[in-house]
Protein backbone atom coordinates (compact mmCIF):
# COMPACT_ATOMS: atom_id res chain seq x y z
CA MET A 1 -17.68 3.84 -10.89
CA THR A 2 -20.48 6.11 -12.00
CA ASP A 3 -21.85 7.34 -8.67
CA ALA A 4 -20.95 7.46 -4.98
CA ARG A 5 -23.38 8.57 -2.30
CA LEU A 6 -23.65 8.59 1.46
CA SER A 7 -26.91 7.24 2.92
CA ALA A 8 -29.34 9.79 4.41
CA ASP A 9 -28.36 8.76 7.93
CA GLY A 10 -24.62 8.81 7.05
CA THR A 11 -24.02 5.19 8.06
CA ARG A 12 -23.52 3.60 4.61
CA VAL A 13 -21.70 4.35 1.37
CA HIS A 14 -23.52 3.43 -1.84
CA LEU A 15 -21.49 2.99 -5.04
CA THR A 16 -22.79 2.44 -8.56
CA LEU A 17 -20.29 0.53 -10.70
CA VAL A 18 -20.32 -0.71 -14.28
CA ASP A 19 -19.03 -4.23 -14.90
CA GLY A 20 -17.17 -5.52 -17.97
CA ALA A 21 -20.45 -6.24 -19.76
CA GLY A 22 -21.70 -2.68 -19.18
CA ASP A 23 -24.24 -3.69 -16.53
CA LYS A 24 -24.73 -1.58 -13.40
CA VAL A 25 -23.62 -3.10 -10.13
CA LEU A 26 -24.74 -1.54 -6.84
CA LEU A 27 -22.42 -1.84 -3.86
CA SER A 28 -23.21 -0.73 -0.32
CA PHE A 29 -20.99 -0.96 2.77
CA PRO A 30 -20.74 0.64 6.23
CA ALA A 31 -19.31 4.16 6.09
CA ASP A 32 -16.92 3.42 8.95
CA SER A 33 -15.16 0.87 6.71
CA LEU A 34 -14.52 3.37 3.87
CA ASN A 35 -10.87 3.87 4.83
CA THR A 36 -10.28 0.11 4.78
CA VAL A 37 -11.92 -0.23 1.36
CA LEU A 38 -9.91 2.65 -0.10
CA SER A 39 -6.60 1.46 1.32
CA THR A 40 -7.00 -1.98 -0.26
CA MET A 41 -7.89 -0.76 -3.75
CA PRO A 42 -5.09 -1.11 -6.31
CA ARG A 43 -3.78 2.21 -7.54
CA ARG A 44 -1.59 3.26 -10.41
CA ILE A 45 1.74 4.53 -9.24
CA ASP A 46 2.05 8.22 -10.02
CA PRO A 47 5.77 9.02 -10.42
CA ASP A 48 5.11 12.58 -9.22
CA MET A 49 3.46 11.43 -5.98
CA VAL A 50 5.95 10.75 -3.23
CA HIS A 51 4.96 10.18 0.38
CA ARG A 52 7.29 11.01 3.24
CA LEU A 53 8.01 8.12 5.59
CA ASP A 54 7.29 8.88 9.24
CA SER A 55 7.90 5.47 10.76
CA TRP A 56 8.26 1.82 9.90
CA SER A 57 8.26 -1.48 11.70
CA MET A 58 9.23 -5.02 10.76
CA SER A 59 8.26 -8.28 12.39
CA THR A 60 8.12 -11.97 11.59
CA SER A 61 4.86 -13.30 10.16
CA ASP A 62 2.84 -15.93 12.00
CA ASN A 63 4.06 -18.62 9.60
CA GLY A 64 7.69 -17.66 10.27
CA GLN A 65 8.44 -17.70 6.53
CA GLU A 66 8.01 -13.99 5.78
CA LEU A 67 8.76 -10.61 7.27
CA LEU A 68 6.00 -8.05 7.72
CA LEU A 69 7.02 -4.50 6.85
CA ALA A 70 4.66 -1.67 7.88
CA LEU A 71 5.26 1.84 6.50
CA ARG A 72 3.50 4.94 7.91
CA THR A 73 3.32 8.53 6.66
CA PRO A 74 2.98 11.64 8.85
CA GLU A 75 -0.59 11.99 7.50
CA GLY A 76 -1.55 8.59 8.91
CA LEU A 77 -1.46 6.56 5.71
CA ALA A 78 -0.21 3.06 6.51
CA ILE A 79 0.45 0.01 4.37
CA SER A 80 1.98 -3.36 5.16
CA PHE A 81 3.88 -5.79 2.97
CA ALA A 82 4.76 -9.46 3.37
CA LEU A 83 8.37 -9.87 2.23
CA LYS A 84 10.83 -12.69 1.80
CA SER A 85 14.16 -12.20 3.58
CA TRP A 86 16.01 -12.05 0.23
CA GLN A 87 13.86 -9.05 -0.77
CA VAL A 88 14.85 -7.19 2.39
CA GLU A 89 18.49 -8.12 1.77
CA GLY A 90 18.21 -6.68 -1.75
CA MET A 91 16.77 -3.40 -0.45
CA ALA A 92 19.55 -3.18 2.14
CA THR A 93 22.17 -3.77 -0.55
CA ILE A 94 20.74 -1.00 -2.73
CA ALA A 95 20.51 1.34 0.27
CA THR A 96 24.11 0.58 1.18
CA TYR A 97 25.78 0.55 -2.22
CA GLY A 98 23.50 2.62 -4.44
CA LYS A 99 21.74 1.67 -7.62
CA PRO A 100 22.40 -1.81 -8.98
CA GLY A 101 25.09 -1.77 -11.63
CA THR A 102 26.52 1.56 -10.47
CA PRO A 103 30.26 1.30 -9.86
CA HIS A 104 31.32 2.36 -6.38
CA ALA A 105 34.66 2.96 -4.76
CA ARG A 106 36.10 0.03 -2.89
CA THR A 107 37.09 0.64 0.69
CA MET A 108 39.51 -1.45 2.68
CA HIS A 109 39.90 -1.29 6.45
């Protein structure tokens, strides 16, 4: 991206991009969709950036084959993931027993 501007009336965002061949590409979209565009862009994971979790919800997808996990921060950032049940089971195991491969004390009741 080489330039980003708001239209004179504030209703559109205009971006100037450079493609793989070095040619300019002009992109324009409604300003009220900027948050949607930014939230869908892939980002590098910065190990120093950690967001606090405010709330989460999980539901079954429409196809019944996946679970939908929505995570929300106190600042209003929200992202959703489609997960397989085995992925959720793996997260629960790590949350319960610690890091994989870490020995833990056995408890008998």
